[in-house]
Each structure stands twice: as C-alpha cells, then as structure tokens.
C-alpha cells in the first residue's frame, strides 16, 4: 500500500480570510490526530492571502477514506462552503 498525498487549494471570499483560516486550522488539528495521518499542514499564499493550501499525507487510501468519513471532516465541508468560492483537490499516489 502506497502513501497518498492530498493537495487542496481553497480561495476565500473577500473579507472571509480569517474565518476560512479558522475553519481550516480546526480540521487540521483534529486530522493530525487520526491514525494514518503522516502530515497535515496549512499554507497561505504569499502574494494572495485569500488562497490557502492544505498538504496532507496519508499512509494509504484506506486511511484517507476513514478521514473523509469522520465527523470533523464532514463538519469542515459544511462550515467552509459559505466562506469560499473556489476549491480544488488533487490526490497523488506516492511512487517512491
């Protein structure tokens, strides 16, 4: 089983940057304690503070699937929706 990386970019609505950051920090805090979570980091773009990036590394697809079924992940998806106007998620299988 290979590790799975997730790179998610989210663009906050104007004036919603702090609220977006707060929601992302909350899901990060809970996710870091999950079994199979190897890394979970939040970044903010230097030249565009409305853009956030989550970098996640999971021990495998099974761990990621369990993560997406947690109460805190489901709450995050509901709470983040009114704060952002763009979200892209890419999943990557680790080769080496």
N, C-alpha and C. Protein backbone atom coordinates (compact mmCIF):
# COMPACT_ATOMS: atom_id res chain seq x y z
N UNK A 1 0.85 -1.18 0.00
CA UNK A 1 0.00 0.00 0.00
C UNK A 1 0.89 1.24 0.00
N UNK A 2 0.64 2.15 -0.93
CA UNK A 2 1.47 3.35 -1.01
C UNK A 2 0.77 4.52 -0.33
N UNK A 3 1.59 5.45 0.12
CA UNK A 3 1.07 6.66 0.75
C UNK A 3 0.29 7.48 -0.28
N UNK A 4 -0.65 8.26 0.22
CA UNK A 4 -1.46 9.12 -0.63
C UNK A 4 -1.32 10.56 -0.15
N UNK A 5 -0.93 11.44 -1.07
CA UNK A 5 -0.83 12.86 -0.76
C UNK A 5 -2.08 13.55 -1.30
N UNK A 6 -2.53 14.54 -0.56
CA UNK A 6 -3.67 15.35 -0.98
C UNK A 6 -3.21 16.80 -0.96
N UNK A 7 -3.44 17.49 -2.06
CA UNK A 7 -3.17 18.93 -2.12
C UNK A 7 -4.49 19.60 -2.47
N UNK A 8 -4.98 20.38 -1.52
CA UNK A 8 -6.25 21.08 -1.71
C UNK A 8 -6.00 22.58 -1.68
N UNK A 9 -6.50 23.28 -2.67
CA UNK A 9 -6.40 24.74 -2.68
C UNK A 9 -7.81 25.31 -2.55
N UNK A 10 -7.91 26.33 -1.71
CA UNK A 10 -9.20 26.97 -1.45
C UNK A 10 -9.02 28.47 -1.54
N UNK A 11 -9.96 29.14 -2.17
CA UNK A 11 -9.90 30.59 -2.27
C UNK A 11 -11.04 31.19 -1.46
N UNK A 12 -10.68 31.94 -0.43
CA UNK A 12 -11.67 32.56 0.45
C UNK A 12 -12.36 33.72 -0.26
N UNK A 13 -13.61 33.92 0.09
CA UNK A 13 -14.31 35.10 -0.38
C UNK A 13 -13.68 36.32 0.27
N UNK A 14 -13.77 37.45 -0.39
CA UNK A 14 -13.21 38.69 0.13
C UNK A 14 -13.77 38.99 1.52
N UNK A 15 -12.87 39.25 2.46
CA UNK A 15 -13.26 39.54 3.82
C UNK A 15 -13.49 38.31 4.69
N UNK A 16 -13.37 37.12 4.11
CA UNK A 16 -13.60 35.87 4.84
C UNK A 16 -12.31 35.09 5.10
N UNK A 17 -11.16 35.75 4.91
CA UNK A 17 -9.88 35.06 5.05
C UNK A 17 -9.66 34.50 6.46
N UNK A 18 -9.93 35.29 7.48
CA UNK A 18 -9.68 34.83 8.85
C UNK A 18 -10.63 33.70 9.23
N UNK A 19 -11.89 33.82 8.85
CA UNK A 19 -12.85 32.75 9.14
C UNK A 19 -12.46 31.46 8.42
N UNK A 20 -12.02 31.60 7.18
CA UNK A 20 -11.57 30.44 6.42
C UNK A 20 -10.38 29.79 7.11
N UNK A 21 -9.42 30.60 7.50
CA UNK A 21 -8.24 30.08 8.20
C UNK A 21 -8.65 29.36 9.48
N UNK A 22 -9.57 29.92 10.23
CA UNK A 22 -10.01 29.31 11.49
C UNK A 22 -10.63 27.93 11.26
N UNK A 23 -11.47 27.81 10.24
CA UNK A 23 -12.10 26.53 9.92
C UNK A 23 -11.04 25.51 9.49
N UNK A 24 -10.08 25.95 8.69
CA UNK A 24 -9.02 25.05 8.22
C UNK A 24 -8.12 24.61 9.36
N UNK A 25 -7.81 25.51 10.27
CA UNK A 25 -6.98 25.15 11.43
C UNK A 25 -7.70 24.13 12.32
N UNK A 26 -9.00 24.27 12.43
CA UNK A 26 -9.76 23.34 13.27
C UNK A 26 -9.74 21.93 12.68
N UNK A 27 -9.99 21.81 11.38
CA UNK A 27 -9.97 20.48 10.77
C UNK A 27 -8.55 19.90 10.79
N UNK A 28 -7.55 20.76 10.64
CA UNK A 28 -6.16 20.30 10.69
C UNK A 28 -5.84 19.72 12.07
N UNK A 29 -6.25 20.41 13.12
CA UNK A 29 -5.96 19.97 14.48
C UNK A 29 -6.51 18.56 14.72
N UNK A 30 -7.74 18.34 14.33
CA UNK A 30 -8.36 17.02 14.53
C UNK A 30 -7.73 15.96 13.61
N UNK A 31 -7.46 16.34 12.38
CA UNK A 31 -6.94 15.38 11.40
C UNK A 31 -5.56 14.88 11.76
N UNK A 32 -4.74 15.74 12.32
CA UNK A 32 -3.38 15.34 12.70
C UNK A 32 -3.37 14.21 13.72
N UNK A 33 -4.44 14.06 14.47
CA UNK A 33 -4.52 13.01 15.49
C UNK A 33 -5.07 11.69 14.96
N UNK A 34 -5.44 11.66 13.70
CA UNK A 34 -6.03 10.44 13.13
C UNK A 34 -4.95 9.41 12.82
N UNK A 35 -5.33 8.14 12.99
CA UNK A 35 -4.45 7.05 12.59
C UNK A 35 -4.24 7.11 11.08
N UNK A 36 -3.00 7.02 10.66
CA UNK A 36 -2.69 7.05 9.24
C UNK A 36 -2.34 8.42 8.71
N UNK A 37 -2.50 9.46 9.51
CA UNK A 37 -2.13 10.81 9.08
C UNK A 37 -0.65 11.01 9.33
N UNK A 38 0.12 11.18 8.26
CA UNK A 38 1.56 11.36 8.37
C UNK A 38 1.94 12.84 8.40
N UNK A 39 1.23 13.66 7.65
CA UNK A 39 1.44 15.12 7.62
C UNK A 39 0.09 15.77 7.32
N UNK A 40 -0.10 16.94 7.89
CA UNK A 40 -1.30 17.73 7.60
C UNK A 40 -0.92 19.17 7.89
N UNK A 41 -0.67 19.94 6.84
CA UNK A 41 -0.18 21.31 7.01
C UNK A 41 -1.02 22.30 6.22
N UNK A 42 -1.18 23.47 6.80
CA UNK A 42 -1.93 24.55 6.17
C UNK A 42 -0.96 25.65 5.75
N UNK A 43 -1.16 26.14 4.53
CA UNK A 43 -0.32 27.21 3.98
C UNK A 43 -1.21 28.31 3.43
N UNK A 44 -0.66 29.53 3.39
CA UNK A 44 -1.35 30.68 2.81
C UNK A 44 -0.43 31.29 1.77
N UNK A 45 -0.97 31.56 0.60
CA UNK A 45 -0.16 32.09 -0.49
C UNK A 45 0.40 33.47 -0.12
N UNK A 46 1.68 33.68 -0.38
CA UNK A 46 2.35 34.93 -0.02
C UNK A 46 1.78 36.13 -0.75
N UNK A 47 1.55 35.99 -2.04
CA UNK A 47 1.10 37.13 -2.84
C UNK A 47 -0.42 37.25 -2.95
N UNK A 48 -1.13 36.28 -2.42
CA UNK A 48 -2.59 36.30 -2.48
C UNK A 48 -3.14 35.65 -1.21
N UNK A 49 -3.31 36.42 -0.13
CA UNK A 49 -3.71 35.85 1.15
C UNK A 49 -5.12 35.25 1.17
N UNK A 50 -5.87 35.39 0.09
CA UNK A 50 -7.18 34.74 0.01
C UNK A 50 -7.04 33.26 -0.33
N UNK A 51 -5.86 32.84 -0.79
CA UNK A 51 -5.65 31.47 -1.24
C UNK A 51 -4.92 30.65 -0.18
N UNK A 52 -5.54 29.53 0.17
CA UNK A 52 -4.99 28.60 1.16
C UNK A 52 -4.71 27.27 0.49
N UNK A 53 -3.72 26.55 1.02
CA UNK A 53 -3.39 25.23 0.51
C UNK A 53 -3.22 24.29 1.69
N UNK A 54 -3.90 23.16 1.62
CA UNK A 54 -3.71 22.09 2.59
C UNK A 54 -2.84 21.03 1.93
N UNK A 55 -1.79 20.62 2.63
CA UNK A 55 -0.98 19.50 2.17
C UNK A 55 -1.15 18.38 3.19
N UNK A 56 -1.65 17.26 2.72
CA UNK A 56 -1.90 16.11 3.59
C UNK A 56 -1.13 14.91 3.06
N UNK A 57 -0.64 14.08 3.96
CA UNK A 57 -0.02 12.82 3.56
C UNK A 57 -0.60 11.74 4.45
N UNK A 58 -1.19 10.75 3.81
CA UNK A 58 -1.86 9.64 4.50
C UNK A 58 -1.11 8.35 4.20
N UNK A 59 -1.13 7.42 5.15
CA UNK A 59 -0.40 6.16 4.99
C UNK A 59 -0.94 5.31 3.84
N UNK A 60 -2.17 5.54 3.45
CA UNK A 60 -2.77 4.82 2.32
C UNK A 60 -4.18 5.30 2.06
N UNK A 61 -4.77 4.79 1.00
CA UNK A 61 -6.12 5.20 0.62
C UNK A 61 -7.14 4.88 1.71
N UNK A 62 -6.94 3.76 2.40
CA UNK A 62 -7.86 3.37 3.47
C UNK A 62 -7.89 4.43 4.58
N UNK A 63 -6.73 4.94 4.95
CA UNK A 63 -6.66 6.00 5.98
C UNK A 63 -7.37 7.26 5.50
N UNK A 64 -7.15 7.61 4.25
CA UNK A 64 -7.81 8.80 3.69
C UNK A 64 -9.33 8.61 3.66
N UNK A 65 -9.77 7.43 3.27
CA UNK A 65 -11.21 7.16 3.25
C UNK A 65 -11.82 7.28 4.64
N UNK A 66 -11.13 6.75 5.65
CA UNK A 66 -11.62 6.87 7.03
C UNK A 66 -11.69 8.34 7.45
N UNK A 67 -10.66 9.11 7.06
CA UNK A 67 -10.63 10.54 7.37
C UNK A 67 -11.86 11.24 6.81
N UNK A 68 -12.18 10.94 5.57
CA UNK A 68 -13.30 11.62 4.91
C UNK A 68 -14.65 11.20 5.48
N UNK A 69 -14.66 10.19 6.33
CA UNK A 69 -15.89 9.74 6.95
C UNK A 69 -16.02 10.19 8.41
N UNK A 70 -15.06 11.01 8.88
CA UNK A 70 -15.10 11.47 10.27
C UNK A 70 -16.08 12.64 10.42
N UNK A 71 -16.55 12.81 11.64
CA UNK A 71 -17.48 13.91 11.93
C UNK A 71 -16.81 15.26 11.71
N UNK A 72 -15.52 15.40 12.10
CA UNK A 72 -14.87 16.71 11.94
C UNK A 72 -14.64 17.05 10.48
N UNK A 73 -14.39 16.06 9.62
CA UNK A 73 -14.23 16.35 8.20
C UNK A 73 -15.58 16.77 7.59
N UNK A 74 -16.63 16.06 7.95
CA UNK A 74 -17.95 16.41 7.43
C UNK A 74 -18.39 17.80 7.90
N UNK A 75 -18.07 18.14 9.15
CA UNK A 75 -18.39 19.48 9.66
C UNK A 75 -17.59 20.54 8.91
N UNK A 76 -16.32 20.26 8.65
CA UNK A 76 -15.47 21.18 7.89
C UNK A 76 -16.09 21.48 6.53
N UNK A 77 -16.54 20.44 5.82
CA UNK A 77 -17.11 20.63 4.48
C UNK A 77 -18.35 21.53 4.52
N UNK A 78 -19.15 21.39 5.57
CA UNK A 78 -20.34 22.24 5.72
C UNK A 78 -19.93 23.67 6.08
N UNK A 79 -19.01 23.80 7.03
CA UNK A 79 -18.63 25.13 7.54
C UNK A 79 -17.81 25.95 6.55
N UNK A 80 -17.05 25.29 5.68
CA UNK A 80 -16.18 26.03 4.76
C UNK A 80 -16.96 26.54 3.54
N UNK A 81 -18.02 25.87 3.19
CA UNK A 81 -18.75 26.18 1.95
C UNK A 81 -19.15 27.65 1.81
N UNK A 82 -19.75 28.30 2.82
CA UNK A 82 -20.14 29.70 2.63
C UNK A 82 -18.97 30.69 2.66
N UNK A 83 -17.78 30.23 3.00
CA UNK A 83 -16.63 31.12 3.15
C UNK A 83 -15.75 31.18 1.91
N UNK A 84 -15.90 30.22 1.01
CA UNK A 84 -15.00 30.14 -0.15
C UNK A 84 -15.80 30.18 -1.45
N UNK A 85 -15.10 30.53 -2.53
CA UNK A 85 -15.76 30.48 -3.83
C UNK A 85 -15.02 29.58 -4.80
N UNK A 86 -13.95 28.93 -4.33
CA UNK A 86 -13.22 28.03 -5.21
C UNK A 86 -12.49 26.99 -4.37
N UNK A 87 -12.53 25.73 -4.80
CA UNK A 87 -11.86 24.65 -4.08
C UNK A 87 -11.44 23.59 -5.09
N UNK A 88 -10.16 23.23 -5.07
CA UNK A 88 -9.64 22.18 -5.94
C UNK A 88 -8.87 21.18 -5.10
N UNK A 89 -9.13 19.91 -5.32
CA UNK A 89 -8.46 18.85 -4.57
C UNK A 89 -7.82 17.89 -5.55
N UNK A 90 -6.54 17.61 -5.33
CA UNK A 90 -5.80 16.64 -6.15
C UNK A 90 -5.22 15.59 -5.23
N UNK A 91 -5.38 14.32 -5.61
CA UNK A 91 -4.85 13.20 -4.83
C UNK A 91 -3.71 12.56 -5.63
N UNK A 92 -2.65 12.24 -4.92
CA UNK A 92 -1.43 11.73 -5.55
C UNK A 92 -0.99 10.43 -4.87
N UNK A 93 -0.71 9.40 -5.66
CA UNK A 93 -0.13 8.17 -5.13
C UNK A 93 1.38 8.32 -5.08
N UNK A 94 1.97 7.97 -3.96
CA UNK A 94 3.42 8.05 -3.82
C UNK A 94 4.06 6.92 -4.63
N UNK A 95 5.04 7.26 -5.45
CA UNK A 95 5.74 6.28 -6.27
C UNK A 95 6.96 5.76 -5.53
N UNK A 96 7.72 6.66 -4.92
CA UNK A 96 8.94 6.24 -4.20
C UNK A 96 9.14 7.13 -3.00
